[in-house]
Protein backbone atom coordinates (compact mmCIF):
# COMPACT_ATOMS: atom_id res chain seq x y z
CA UNK A 1 6.94 -6.02 30.35
CA UNK A 2 10.74 -6.23 30.50
CA UNK A 3 12.69 -8.88 28.62
CA UNK A 4 13.44 -10.97 31.72
CA UNK A 5 9.75 -11.24 32.56
CA UNK A 6 8.86 -12.01 28.95
CA UNK A 7 11.52 -14.74 28.77
CA UNK A 8 12.93 -15.95 32.10
CA UNK A 9 16.75 -16.29 32.13
CA UNK A 10 16.62 -20.04 32.72
CA UNK A 11 14.67 -20.43 29.47
CA UNK A 12 17.20 -18.30 27.62
CA UNK A 13 20.00 -20.46 29.04
CA UNK A 14 18.19 -23.55 27.80
CA UNK A 15 17.90 -22.08 24.29
CA UNK A 16 21.66 -21.53 24.19
CA UNK A 17 22.31 -25.04 25.52
CA UNK A 18 20.04 -26.51 22.84
CA UNK A 19 21.83 -24.58 20.09
CA UNK A 20 25.17 -25.87 21.40
CA UNK A 21 23.89 -29.45 21.57
CA UNK A 22 22.46 -29.29 18.05
CA UNK A 23 25.75 -27.91 16.74
CA UNK A 24 27.64 -30.88 18.20
CA UNK A 25 25.34 -33.22 16.29
CA UNK A 26 25.59 -31.29 13.02
CA UNK A 27 29.29 -30.45 12.68
CA UNK A 28 30.63 -34.01 12.19
CA UNK A 29 28.32 -34.53 9.21
CA UNK A 30 29.05 -31.32 7.29
CA UNK A 31 30.57 -31.91 3.84
CA UNK A 32 30.39 -35.66 4.33
CA UNK A 33 28.51 -38.06 2.10
CA UNK A 34 25.24 -38.70 3.92
CA UNK A 35 22.21 -40.84 3.28
CA UNK A 36 19.41 -38.45 2.34
CA UNK A 37 15.84 -39.56 3.00
CA UNK A 38 12.80 -37.90 1.48
CA UNK A 39 9.91 -36.96 3.74
CA UNK A 40 6.22 -36.95 2.86
CA UNK A 41 6.40 -33.29 1.83
CA UNK A 42 9.31 -34.13 -0.55
CA UNK A 43 11.86 -32.28 1.59
CA UNK A 44 15.17 -33.99 2.46
CA UNK A 45 16.23 -35.16 5.91
CA UNK A 46 19.49 -36.64 7.23
CA UNK A 47 20.98 -38.17 10.35
CA UNK A 48 22.19 -34.68 11.28
CA UNK A 49 18.64 -33.24 11.25
CA UNK A 50 17.30 -36.05 13.40
CA UNK A 51 20.25 -36.12 15.78
CA UNK A 52 20.14 -32.37 16.33
CA UNK A 53 16.43 -32.30 17.11
CA UNK A 54 16.69 -35.33 19.39
CA UNK A 55 19.47 -33.63 21.36
CA UNK A 56 17.38 -30.48 21.82
CA UNK A 57 14.31 -32.43 22.88
CA UNK A 58 16.30 -34.34 25.49
CA UNK A 59 17.36 -31.07 27.10
CA UNK A 60 13.79 -29.77 27.24
CA UNK A 61 12.56 -33.01 28.79
CA UNK A 62 15.39 -32.97 31.32
CA UNK A 63 14.96 -29.36 32.46
CA UNK A 64 11.33 -28.40 31.79
CA UNK A 65 9.27 -31.56 31.20
CA UNK A 66 6.02 -29.58 31.40
CA UNK A 67 6.94 -27.45 28.37
CA UNK A 68 5.44 -28.23 24.98
CA UNK A 69 7.48 -29.07 21.88
CA UNK A 70 6.79 -28.67 18.18
CA UNK A 71 9.63 -30.01 16.05
CA UNK A 72 10.13 -30.49 12.34
CA UNK A 73 11.39 -34.06 12.56
CA UNK A 74 9.61 -35.62 15.56
CA UNK A 75 6.31 -33.77 15.77
CA UNK A 76 4.48 -32.20 18.68
CA UNK A 77 3.76 -32.94 22.33
CA UNK A 78 2.08 -30.99 25.14
CA UNK A 79 1.06 -28.23 22.72
CA UNK A 80 -1.55 -26.97 25.21
CA UNK A 81 1.24 -25.93 27.62
CA UNK A 82 1.79 -22.23 28.41
CA UNK A 83 5.41 -22.51 27.19
CA UNK A 84 6.04 -24.25 23.86
CA UNK A 85 9.36 -24.67 22.04
CA UNK A 86 9.39 -24.68 18.23
CA UNK A 87 12.44 -26.46 16.79
CA UNK A 88 13.97 -26.64 13.31
CA UNK A 89 17.23 -28.58 13.69
CA UNK A 90 18.53 -27.68 10.23
CA UNK A 91 16.70 -24.98 8.34
CA UNK A 92 18.23 -25.28 4.88
CA UNK A 93 18.90 -29.01 4.68
CA UNK A 94 19.40 -28.76 0.92
CA UNK A 95 22.18 -26.24 1.50
CA UNK A 96 23.64 -28.39 4.29
CA UNK A 97 23.88 -31.53 2.15
CA UNK A 98 25.31 -29.44 -0.70
CA UNK A 99 28.16 -28.21 1.49
CA UNK A 100 26.87 -24.62 1.65
CA UNK A 101 26.95 -22.54 4.82
CA UNK A 102 23.45 -21.11 4.12
CA UNK A 103 21.68 -23.09 6.85
CA UNK A 104 21.17 -22.98 10.58
CA UNK A 105 19.39 -24.33 13.63
CA UNK A 106 16.24 -22.42 14.55
CA UNK A 107 14.60 -22.24 17.98
CA UNK A 108 11.56 -20.27 19.12
CA UNK A 109 9.86 -20.12 22.49
CA UNK A 110 6.17 -19.27 22.63
CA UNK A 111 4.33 -18.11 25.73
CA UNK A 112 0.62 -18.72 25.30
CA UNK A 113 1.05 -18.56 21.54
CA UNK A 114 3.22 -15.43 21.42
CA UNK A 115 6.88 -15.72 20.36
CA UNK A 116 9.08 -14.34 23.15
CA UNK A 117 12.42 -15.72 21.96
CA UNK A 118 13.96 -16.51 18.61
CA UNK A 119 17.40 -17.99 17.95
CA UNK A 120 19.27 -18.86 14.76
CA UNK A 121 22.61 -20.65 15.10
CA UNK A 122 25.05 -21.34 12.26
CA UNK A 123 27.18 -24.13 13.76
CA UNK A 124 30.11 -23.89 11.32
CA UNK A 125 30.62 -20.13 11.17
CA UNK A 126 29.73 -19.79 14.86
CA UNK A 127 27.18 -17.04 14.25
CA UNK A 128 24.26 -16.88 16.67
CA UNK A 129 21.35 -14.49 16.25
CA UNK A 130 19.06 -13.95 19.22
CA UNK A 131 15.86 -11.95 19.55
CA UNK A 132 14.25 -11.46 22.95
CA UNK A 133 11.72 -8.71 23.64
CA UNK A 134 12.95 -5.42 22.21
CA UNK A 135 16.55 -6.41 21.56
CA UNK A 136 18.38 -8.47 18.94
CA UNK A 137 22.01 -9.55 18.97
CA UNK A 138 24.56 -11.37 16.85
CA UNK A 139 27.08 -13.18 19.05
CA UNK A 140 26.07 -10.93 21.92
CA UNK A 141 26.49 -7.63 20.05
CA UNK A 142 23.39 -5.48 19.43
CA UNK A 143 22.11 -5.40 15.85
CA UNK A 144 19.29 -3.69 14.00
CA UNK A 145 17.58 -3.74 10.65
CA UNK A 146 18.46 -1.28 7.89
CA UNK A 147 17.02 2.07 6.86
CA UNK A 148 16.44 1.56 3.13
CA UNK A 149 13.07 3.01 2.18
CA UNK A 150 13.01 2.89 -1.66
CA UNK A 151 12.30 -0.35 -3.48
CA UNK A 152 14.80 0.41 -6.24
CA UNK A 153 17.53 0.45 -3.57
CA UNK A 154 16.32 -2.66 -1.74
CA UNK A 155 17.87 -6.13 -1.64
CA UNK A 156 15.29 -8.92 -1.72
CA UNK A 157 15.78 -12.55 -0.66
CA UNK A 158 13.60 -15.66 -0.85
CA UNK A 159 14.39 -19.27 -0.06
CA UNK A 160 13.02 -21.20 -3.05
CA UNK A 161 10.86 -20.32 -6.04
CA UNK A 162 9.42 -23.85 -6.10
CA UNK A 163 7.53 -22.97 -2.90
CA UNK A 164 5.40 -20.43 -4.79
CA UNK A 165 2.09 -21.32 -6.43
CA UNK A 166 1.38 -19.69 -9.80
CA UNK A 167 -0.57 -16.74 -8.42
CA UNK A 168 1.91 -15.90 -5.72
CA UNK A 169 4.86 -16.42 -8.04
CA UNK A 170 3.45 -13.68 -10.27
CA UNK A 171 3.15 -11.39 -7.26
CA UNK A 172 6.71 -12.16 -6.18
CA UNK A 173 8.04 -11.43 -9.66
CA UNK A 174 6.21 -8.10 -9.67
CA UNK A 175 8.06 -7.18 -6.47
CA UNK A 176 11.37 -8.54 -7.77
CA UNK A 177 11.13 -6.30 -10.84
CA UNK A 178 11.15 -3.21 -8.62
CA UNK A 179 14.15 -3.93 -6.35
CA UNK A 180 17.89 -3.49 -6.80
CA UNK A 181 18.50 -7.24 -6.97
CA UNK A 182 17.17 -10.58 -5.70
CA UNK A 183 18.97 -13.58 -4.19
CA UNK A 184 17.78 -17.11 -3.44
CA UNK A 185 18.37 -20.21 -1.28
CA UNK A 186 19.62 -18.80 2.02
CA UNK A 187 16.73 -19.99 4.22
CA UNK A 188 17.14 -18.82 7.84
CA UNK A 189 20.49 -17.21 7.09
CA UNK A 190 18.64 -14.59 5.06
CA UNK A 191 16.58 -13.66 8.11
CA UNK A 192 19.81 -13.21 10.02
CA UNK A 193 21.09 -10.90 7.30
CA UNK A 194 17.84 -8.93 7.47
CA UNK A 195 18.18 -8.49 11.25
CA UNK A 196 21.79 -7.45 10.73
CA UNK A 197 20.82 -4.70 8.29
CA UNK A 198 22.52 -6.31 5.28
CA UNK A 199 19.35 -6.92 3.26
CA UNK A 200 15.96 -5.23 3.22
CA UNK A 201 13.22 -7.72 2.34
CA UNK A 202 12.61 -11.44 2.84
CA UNK A 203 9.58 -12.97 1.13
CA UNK A 204 8.36 -16.56 1.58
CA UNK A 205 5.42 -18.69 0.47
CA UNK A 206 3.92 -21.89 1.90
CA UNK A 207 6.19 -22.31 4.92
CA UNK A 208 5.78 -23.92 8.34
CA UNK A 209 5.78 -22.63 11.91
CA UNK A 210 9.33 -23.86 12.53
CA UNK A 211 10.47 -21.90 9.44
CA UNK A 212 8.84 -18.64 10.49
CA UNK A 213 8.49 -18.23 14.26
CA UNK A 214 12.20 -18.15 15.21
CA UNK A 215 13.19 -15.46 12.65
CA UNK A 216 9.95 -13.57 13.31
CA UNK A 217 11.03 -12.98 16.91
CA UNK A 218 14.54 -11.93 15.82
CA UNK A 219 13.50 -9.59 13.01
CA UNK A 220 10.88 -7.88 15.17
CA UNK A 221 13.38 -7.47 18.02
CA UNK A 222 15.85 -5.93 15.54
CA UNK A 223 13.32 -3.31 14.47
CA UNK A 224 11.78 -5.00 11.44
CA UNK A 225 8.18 -5.69 10.42
CA UNK A 226 6.70 -9.15 9.81
CA UNK A 227 3.28 -9.75 8.21
CA UNK A 228 1.61 -11.74 5.49
CA UNK A 229 1.34 -10.28 1.98
CA UNK A 230 -1.88 -8.51 2.95
CA UNK A 231 -0.13 -6.66 5.75
CA UNK A 232 -1.73 -8.70 8.53
CA UNK A 233 0.49 -9.51 11.53
CA UNK A 234 1.37 -13.18 11.80
CA UNK A 235 -0.11 -15.14 14.68
CA UNK A 236 0.82 -18.62 15.83
CA UNK A 237 -0.19 -21.18 13.21
CA UNK A 238 1.12 -24.50 11.88
CA UNK A 239 1.60 -23.10 8.37
CA UNK A 240 1.69 -19.76 6.55
CA UNK A 241 0.68 -19.15 2.95
CA UNK A 242 2.70 -15.93 2.64
CA UNK A 243 5.31 -14.13 4.74
CA UNK A 244 6.85 -10.69 4.29
CA UNK A 245 9.72 -9.62 6.53
CA UNK A 246 10.92 -6.05 6.03
CA UNK A 247 13.64 -3.87 7.52
CA UNK A 248 11.29 -1.03 8.45
CA UNK A 249 7.75 0.20 8.08
CA UNK A 250 8.37 2.32 5.00
CA UNK A 251 9.95 -0.41 2.87
CA UNK A 252 7.32 -2.83 4.19
CA UNK A 253 4.50 -0.65 2.87
CA UNK A 254 6.26 -0.23 -0.48
CA UNK A 255 6.71 -4.00 -0.81
CA UNK A 256 3.07 -4.63 0.09
CA UNK A 257 2.05 -2.26 -2.66
CA UNK A 258 4.09 -4.15 -5.24
CA UNK A 259 2.82 -7.53 -4.07
CA UNK A 260 -0.80 -6.47 -4.06
CA UNK A 261 -0.74 -4.92 -7.50
CA UNK A 262 -0.66 -8.46 -8.87
CA UNK A 263 -3.15 -9.78 -6.32
């Protein structure tokens, strides 16, 4: 199936329009003092998060009211639809409220449960990653994951150590001991760097569908591999205990070996 059949052009146009609309909601609030609310899962949320998701949902309702929506801030509707949008208005809210650029808007489109489009947009640096079918781009230019195959040469990222339970933290540390170096707290921006070929491994624990499905589509389209820590491909789900994104099959297998030695 070609990319246009997998993701019709009018749906791709909508994804870009949603990213633009979310950016307009986010930019005025960056590096401003904002009220920060705490959600039930203890994560922060601001007027920018809510405004960005509301803007994206309005566009879906206006153009394709039969499509489903699953959003971080306002929940789900029509989830039984063939086409379902998964929205994370600000992935990396802690970075956003801290004045860091390590955040972005994430959008995925699922067709009968399979991700066919992933988009990450950084509204301040104007960087937009897109993965559709077998191709990934950054601002319209083709990109691909890197060729590092040895763990001792690999760069490893994760979003937050507090997401790891004790058992999985031990497994992560076992992997971290084998790589060149490890960095933290870049959220979706790290997935963009992986698709760009700048880093080699991205490992997460206890994350949601809106955290995972957009970068999954991008990293796969860029040539990477995405599984859980047992090597099982990820399928559509509301939450994932473990996620391993790797630049290529060789480094993926090496990382699995390190993670499983402490399993």
